Amino acid sequence: MLRNYEKNRIFANKKYMNFAISLSQYYVMPCLALITSIFENNRQNDCRIYLLTSGLKEDHISKFYRLATIYKQQIIIKQIPKEFYENLPFHKRYSFATYNRFMIADMIEDEKVIYLDGDTIVRHDLSSLWNTPLDGYACGVVEDQRGDDIFVHNRNKIDTPYFNAGVQLINLDYWRQNNIGQKMVNYLKEHIDTCLYVDQDAANKILSGKVKYLDFKYNFMEDWFYPTSQWQTHFSKWDRILADREDPAIVHYCRGLKPWFKECVHPLKSEFIHYATMYDFIGYKEQKYFPFSYKVVSYLIYRLRQIQDSYGK
């Protein structure tokens, strides 16, 4: 099996559509499904996938290389140096993989890259996204499904439309020239208490006024599949969102109930399962969101009530 994809002659002199995905060992299966969806829907493009990770098991690595071989595409694993994490302020809700985006311009030498979170799938050819001009912009982004929630803006005094960082067309040259990654790290260190969404909050603050807003179809988030009365998005955008809902190019499963959970009711859950089950080695297995027994849950509720009572005394 070919292992060194960077040196292999079959990839010489090609113009690639570059993708970057940050992952930990816990997101291997979803990322394999995501990459399958990229390759399946971009067969006419030469795709290069960069995996940003702080460590994967050998059997996980072999799965990614196997997928690249099937499609005759390129996957490059970029190991984030451990010293990068030493002085970062970590939020308990997030893993190391959340912070890898800060290193993206240092780890990837290309001019631009499409960054994708591991809980997305690609449904169409992304040539139109890839060819979006970014002159003078740090990246192309999509407004967040909570983009008009005043509390999201007030936490860090963000006065431009709040975007979701899970899908980005990143101008890597701009990031390097303006030291964007380090600026976001510095902001996070100084404002960890107000950065509930960690790198996304830091990106919105540092890149305020420096991003190009893209069509909603390029990062179609979960809330927009449900009635508009539930949305935290201004009504002036509803028509465009509803139009893009008919056929989104990238679906973002950004609620806690991911499509590999039995309890997930996302209307496009079956599309994730389609890609996750195309090859046995991907290792898809439906999971239960609440794996605890009734006795365990009851005990936890009992202990929480004890703690609450103790504070009341």
Protein backbone atom coordinates (compact mmCIF):
# COMPACT_ATOMS: atom_id res chain seq x y z
CA MET A 1 0.00 0.00 0.00
CA LEU A 2 1.31 3.46 -0.86
CA ARG A 3 2.03 5.46 2.30
CA ASN A 4 3.88 8.62 1.32
CA TYR A 5 1.31 10.50 -0.73
CA GLU A 6 3.32 13.70 -0.77
CA LYS A 7 6.14 12.12 -2.75
CA ASN A 8 4.24 9.79 -5.00
CA ARG A 9 4.69 10.66 -8.66
CA ILE A 10 1.04 10.15 -9.56
CA PHE A 11 0.22 13.39 -7.74
CA ALA A 12 2.84 15.52 -9.50
CA ASN A 13 1.85 18.66 -11.42
CA LYS A 14 -1.80 18.62 -10.38
CA LYS A 15 -3.92 21.52 -9.24
CA TYR A 16 -5.73 20.42 -6.14
CA MET A 17 -8.90 21.35 -4.40
CA ASN A 18 -7.55 21.41 -0.84
CA PHE A 19 -9.50 20.37 2.24
CA ALA A 20 -8.52 20.44 5.90
CA ILE A 21 -10.16 18.49 8.72
CA SER A 22 -9.16 18.59 12.38
CA LEU A 23 -9.79 15.37 14.25
CA SER A 24 -9.08 13.26 17.28
CA GLN A 25 -9.26 9.46 17.49
CA TYR A 26 -12.88 9.80 18.64
CA TYR A 27 -13.97 11.32 15.32
CA VAL A 28 -12.31 8.86 12.96
CA MET A 29 -15.54 7.23 11.77
CA PRO A 30 -17.38 10.51 11.05
CA CYS A 31 -14.31 11.90 9.27
CA LEU A 32 -14.04 8.79 7.09
CA ALA A 33 -17.71 9.30 6.16
CA LEU A 34 -17.07 12.98 5.43
CA ILE A 35 -14.07 12.26 3.21
CA THR A 36 -16.06 9.59 1.37
CA SER A 37 -18.73 12.20 0.66
CA ILE A 38 -16.07 14.61 -0.64
CA PHE A 39 -14.53 12.03 -2.96
CA GLU A 40 -17.89 10.69 -4.17
CA ASN A 41 -19.20 14.14 -5.14
CA ASN A 42 -15.95 15.57 -6.50
CA ARG A 43 -14.70 12.76 -8.73
CA GLN A 44 -13.92 15.24 -11.51
CA ASN A 45 -11.62 17.20 -9.17
CA ASP A 46 -8.19 16.34 -7.84
CA CYS A 47 -8.74 16.50 -4.10
CA ARG A 48 -6.11 16.79 -1.40
CA ILE A 49 -7.20 16.21 2.18
CA TYR A 50 -5.10 17.45 5.09
CA LEU A 51 -5.85 15.79 8.41
CA LEU A 52 -4.76 17.95 11.34
CA THR A 53 -4.29 15.78 14.42
CA SER A 54 -2.27 15.45 17.59
CA GLY A 55 -2.10 11.69 17.23
CA LEU A 56 -3.92 8.83 15.54
CA LYS A 57 -3.56 5.11 16.03
CA GLU A 58 -1.85 3.17 13.26
CA ASP A 59 -5.01 1.27 12.35
CA HIS A 60 -6.90 4.57 12.02
CA ILE A 61 -4.21 5.99 9.75
CA SER A 62 -4.38 2.92 7.53
CA LYS A 63 -8.11 3.47 7.03
CA PHE A 64 -7.57 6.97 5.68
CA TYR A 65 -4.85 5.79 3.31
CA ARG A 66 -7.06 2.96 2.16
CA LEU A 67 -9.84 5.44 1.32
CA ALA A 68 -7.39 7.60 -0.63
CA THR A 69 -6.26 4.57 -2.63
CA ILE A 70 -9.83 3.58 -3.54
CA TYR A 71 -10.52 7.02 -5.05
CA LYS A 72 -6.96 7.69 -6.29
CA GLN A 73 -6.99 10.91 -4.32
CA GLN A 74 -4.54 12.36 -1.82
CA ILE A 75 -4.63 12.34 1.99
CA ILE A 76 -1.85 13.93 4.03
CA ILE A 77 -1.69 13.57 7.81
CA LYS A 78 -0.29 16.61 9.58
CA GLN A 79 0.82 16.01 13.15
CA ILE A 80 0.39 19.11 15.31
CA PRO A 81 3.48 19.48 17.54
CA LYS A 82 2.69 18.77 21.21
CA GLU A 83 4.35 21.99 22.36
CA PHE A 84 1.60 23.94 20.57
CA TYR A 85 -0.89 22.90 23.26
CA GLU A 86 1.32 23.64 26.27
CA ASN A 87 0.26 27.24 26.91
CA LEU A 88 -3.30 27.17 25.60
CA PRO A 89 -6.23 27.86 27.93
CA PHE A 90 -8.38 24.77 27.58
CA HIS A 91 -12.14 24.68 27.90
CA LYS A 92 -13.47 21.47 29.45
CA ARG A 93 -16.11 21.06 26.72
CA TYR A 94 -13.60 20.82 23.89
CA SER A 95 -10.79 18.49 22.81
CA PHE A 96 -7.35 19.30 21.39
CA ALA A 97 -8.80 19.01 17.89
CA THR A 98 -10.79 22.22 18.45
CA TYR A 99 -7.56 24.18 18.71
CA ASN A 100 -5.84 22.76 15.64
CA ARG A 101 -7.45 25.38 13.40
CA PHE A 102 -5.13 27.98 14.93
CA MET A 103 -2.22 26.15 13.26
CA ILE A 104 -3.78 25.70 9.85
CA ALA A 105 -1.73 28.35 8.00
CA ASP A 106 1.50 27.05 9.52
CA MET A 107 0.82 23.41 8.74
CA ILE A 108 -0.49 23.84 5.17
CA GLU A 109 1.63 25.64 2.58
CA ASP A 110 -1.04 26.11 -0.09
CA GLU A 111 -2.73 29.41 -0.98
CA LYS A 112 -6.17 28.39 0.25
CA VAL A 113 -8.07 25.48 1.74
CA ILE A 114 -11.66 24.45 2.50
CA TYR A 115 -11.87 23.71 6.21
CA LEU A 116 -14.61 21.28 7.32
CA ASP A 117 -15.68 20.16 10.78
CA GLY A 118 -15.90 16.41 11.28
CA ASP A 119 -19.69 16.52 11.71
CA THR A 120 -20.39 17.63 8.14
CA ILE A 121 -20.99 15.88 4.83
CA VAL A 122 -20.56 17.15 1.28
CA ARG A 123 -23.47 16.59 -1.10
CA HIS A 124 -22.25 18.24 -4.33
CA ASP A 125 -19.30 19.30 -6.42
CA LEU A 126 -17.64 22.17 -4.53
CA SER A 127 -15.93 23.82 -7.49
CA SER A 128 -18.12 26.91 -7.14
CA LEU A 129 -17.11 27.29 -3.49
CA TRP A 130 -13.46 26.63 -4.26
CA ASN A 131 -13.40 29.26 -7.02
CA THR A 132 -14.92 32.01 -4.86
CA PRO A 133 -12.60 35.06 -5.00
CA LEU A 134 -11.08 35.96 -1.64
CA ASP A 135 -8.97 39.00 -2.54
CA GLY A 136 -8.57 41.08 0.63
CA TYR A 137 -10.55 38.63 2.78
CA ALA A 138 -9.27 36.25 5.44
CA CYS A 139 -11.87 33.63 4.55
CA GLY A 140 -15.32 32.87 3.20
CA VAL A 141 -17.86 31.89 5.87
CA VAL A 142 -21.57 31.33 6.50
CA GLU A 143 -23.55 33.12 9.20
CA ASP A 144 -24.27 30.92 12.22
CA GLN A 145 -27.74 29.55 12.89
CA ARG A 146 -27.63 31.71 16.04
CA GLY A 147 -26.03 34.57 14.16
CA ASP A 148 -28.60 37.15 15.25
CA ASP A 149 -28.71 36.11 18.90
CA ILE A 150 -27.75 39.24 20.83
CA PHE A 151 -26.18 37.20 23.64
CA VAL A 152 -23.72 35.66 21.16
CA HIS A 153 -22.64 39.14 20.09
CA ASN A 154 -22.56 40.70 23.54
CA ARG A 155 -20.20 38.15 25.11
CA ASN A 156 -17.22 39.43 23.12
CA LYS A 157 -18.67 42.72 21.77
CA ILE A 158 -18.83 41.46 18.18
CA ASP A 159 -20.53 44.03 15.94
CA THR A 160 -20.57 42.13 12.64
CA PRO A 161 -22.70 39.11 11.61
CA TYR A 162 -21.63 36.14 13.73
CA PHE A 163 -20.39 33.26 11.57
CA ASN A 164 -19.99 29.54 12.09
CA ALA A 165 -16.38 28.33 11.97
CA GLY A 166 -17.26 24.75 11.02
CA VAL A 167 -16.95 25.44 7.29
CA GLN A 168 -14.51 28.00 5.95
CA LEU A 169 -12.82 28.77 2.65
CA ILE A 170 -9.56 30.02 4.15
CA ASN A 171 -7.17 32.42 2.46
CA LEU A 172 -3.97 30.91 3.88
CA ASP A 173 -1.76 33.64 2.40
CA TYR A 174 -3.80 36.26 4.26
CA TRP A 175 -3.56 34.28 7.49
CA ARG A 176 0.20 33.99 7.23
CA GLN A 177 0.73 37.63 6.26
CA ASN A 178 -1.44 38.86 9.15
CA ASN A 179 -0.49 36.24 11.74
CA ILE A 180 -4.15 35.37 12.24
CA GLY A 181 -3.63 32.10 14.09
CA GLN A 182 -1.45 33.67 16.78
CA LYS A 183 -3.83 36.62 17.16
CA MET A 184 -6.69 34.20 17.84
CA VAL A 185 -4.58 32.27 20.36
CA ASN A 186 -3.71 35.52 22.14
CA TYR A 187 -7.34 36.62 22.23
CA LEU A 188 -8.44 33.28 23.61
CA LYS A 189 -5.83 33.43 26.38
CA GLU A 190 -7.11 36.83 27.47
CA HIS A 191 -10.84 36.09 27.11
CA ILE A 192 -11.31 32.37 27.82
CA ASP A 193 -14.22 33.12 30.18
CA THR A 194 -16.24 34.85 27.45
CA CYS A 195 -15.29 32.48 24.60
CA LEU A 196 -17.99 29.88 25.12
CA TYR A 197 -17.41 28.53 21.60
CA VAL A 198 -13.62 28.84 21.95
CA ASP A 199 -12.01 29.15 18.49
CA GLN A 200 -15.28 30.26 16.86
CA ASP A 201 -15.66 33.20 19.24
CA ALA A 202 -11.99 34.12 18.84
CA ALA A 203 -12.29 33.93 15.04
CA ASN A 204 -15.38 36.14 15.00
CA LYS A 205 -13.61 38.77 17.08
CA ILE A 206 -10.25 38.77 15.27
CA LEU A 207 -11.75 38.45 11.77
CA SER A 208 -14.59 40.93 12.26
CA GLY A 209 -15.00 42.84 8.98
CA LYS A 210 -12.44 40.64 7.22
CA VAL A 211 -14.62 37.77 6.00
CA LYS A 212 -16.79 37.23 2.92
CA TYR A 213 -20.25 35.87 3.73
CA LEU A 214 -21.25 32.91 1.55
CA ASP A 215 -24.58 31.34 0.63
CA PHE A 216 -26.20 29.34 3.42
CA LYS A 217 -26.00 26.19 1.28
CA TYR A 218 -22.26 25.92 1.95
CA ASN A 219 -22.77 25.34 5.68
CA PHE A 220 -26.38 24.41 6.17
CA MET A 221 -26.97 24.07 9.88
CA GLU A 222 -29.46 21.93 11.72
CA ASP A 223 -31.86 24.50 13.15
CA TRP A 224 -32.78 25.65 9.65
CA PHE A 225 -34.46 22.31 8.90
CA TYR A 226 -37.11 23.06 11.50
CA PRO A 227 -39.94 25.66 11.65
CA THR A 228 -38.83 29.29 11.31
CA SER A 229 -40.49 30.15 14.61
CA GLN A 230 -37.60 28.34 16.33
CA TRP A 231 -34.85 30.18 14.51
CA GLN A 232 -32.50 32.74 16.01
CA THR A 233 -31.95 34.19 12.55
CA HIS A 234 -33.46 37.48 11.38
CA PHE A 235 -36.59 37.09 9.25
CA SER A 236 -35.00 39.08 6.40
CA LYS A 237 -32.79 36.02 5.69
CA TRP A 238 -35.54 33.39 5.80
CA ASP A 239 -36.27 33.31 2.06
CA ARG A 240 -32.60 32.68 1.19
CA ILE A 241 -32.26 30.02 3.88
CA LEU A 242 -35.44 28.24 2.79
CA ALA A 243 -34.27 28.26 -0.84
CA ASP A 244 -30.89 26.74 0.12
CA ARG A 245 -32.62 24.15 2.31
CA GLU A 246 -33.95 22.49 -0.83
CA ASP A 247 -30.51 21.28 -1.87
CA PRO A 248 -27.60 22.25 0.41
CA ALA A 249 -24.05 21.59 -0.77
CA ILE A 250 -22.65 21.00 2.73
CA VAL A 251 -24.74 19.79 5.66
CA HIS A 252 -23.56 20.55 9.19
CA TYR A 253 -24.93 18.28 11.93
CA CYS A 254 -24.13 20.79 14.64
CA ARG A 255 -26.47 19.73 17.41
CA GLY A 256 -25.47 17.33 20.18
CA LEU A 257 -27.44 14.46 18.64
CA LYS A 258 -25.13 13.54 15.76
CA PRO A 259 -26.39 11.32 12.92
CA TRP A 260 -24.57 8.28 14.26
CA PHE A 261 -26.81 8.35 17.34
CA LYS A 262 -30.02 6.32 17.31
CA GLU A 263 -31.95 9.23 18.81
CA CYS A 264 -30.98 11.68 16.03
CA VAL A 265 -33.99 12.87 13.99
CA HIS A 266 -32.15 15.06 11.48
CA PRO A 267 -34.02 14.93 8.14
CA LEU A 268 -30.76 14.12 6.32
CA LYS A 269 -29.49 11.57 8.81
CA SER A 270 -29.81 8.87 6.14
CA GLU A 271 -27.34 10.69 3.90
CA PHE A 272 -24.65 10.53 6.57
CA ILE A 273 -25.37 6.83 7.07
CA HIS A 274 -25.14 6.31 3.30
CA TYR A 275 -21.52 7.51 3.23
CA ALA A 276 -20.64 5.95 6.59
CA THR A 277 -21.69 2.49 5.37
CA MET A 278 -20.21 2.55 1.85
CA TYR A 279 -17.15 0.65 3.08
CA ASP A 280 -17.02 -1.78 5.99
CA PHE A 281 -13.66 -0.48 7.21
CA ILE A 282 -15.21 2.91 8.02
CA GLY A 283 -16.63 1.16 11.06
CA TYR A 284 -20.07 2.71 11.31
CA LYS A 285 -22.10 1.46 14.25
CA GLU A 286 -25.24 3.12 15.53
CA GLN A 287 -24.75 4.44 19.04
CA LYS A 288 -27.10 5.37 21.84
CA TYR A 289 -26.88 8.95 23.06
CA PHE A 290 -27.70 7.92 26.61
CA PRO A 291 -25.80 4.67 27.15
CA PHE A 292 -26.42 4.62 30.91
CA SER A 293 -28.92 2.34 32.55
CA TYR A 294 -31.97 3.71 34.31
CA LYS A 295 -30.37 2.92 37.68
CA VAL A 296 -27.23 4.90 36.84
CA VAL A 297 -29.23 7.93 35.65
CA SER A 298 -31.41 7.78 38.76
CA TYR A 299 -28.35 7.68 40.97
CA LEU A 300 -26.80 10.69 39.23
CA ILE A 301 -30.02 12.68 39.67
CA TYR A 302 -30.07 11.68 43.34
CA ARG A 303 -26.47 12.85 43.85
CA LEU A 304 -27.13 16.17 42.10
CA ARG A 305 -30.07 16.82 44.40
CA GLN A 306 -27.86 16.04 47.41
CA ILE A 307 -25.29 18.58 46.19
CA GLN A 308 -27.99 21.19 45.63
CA ASP A 309 -29.38 20.60 49.11
CA SER A 310 -25.93 20.96 50.66
CA TYR A 311 -25.50 24.38 49.04
CA GLY A 312 -28.87 25.43 50.39
CA LYS A 313 -27.84 24.80 54.01
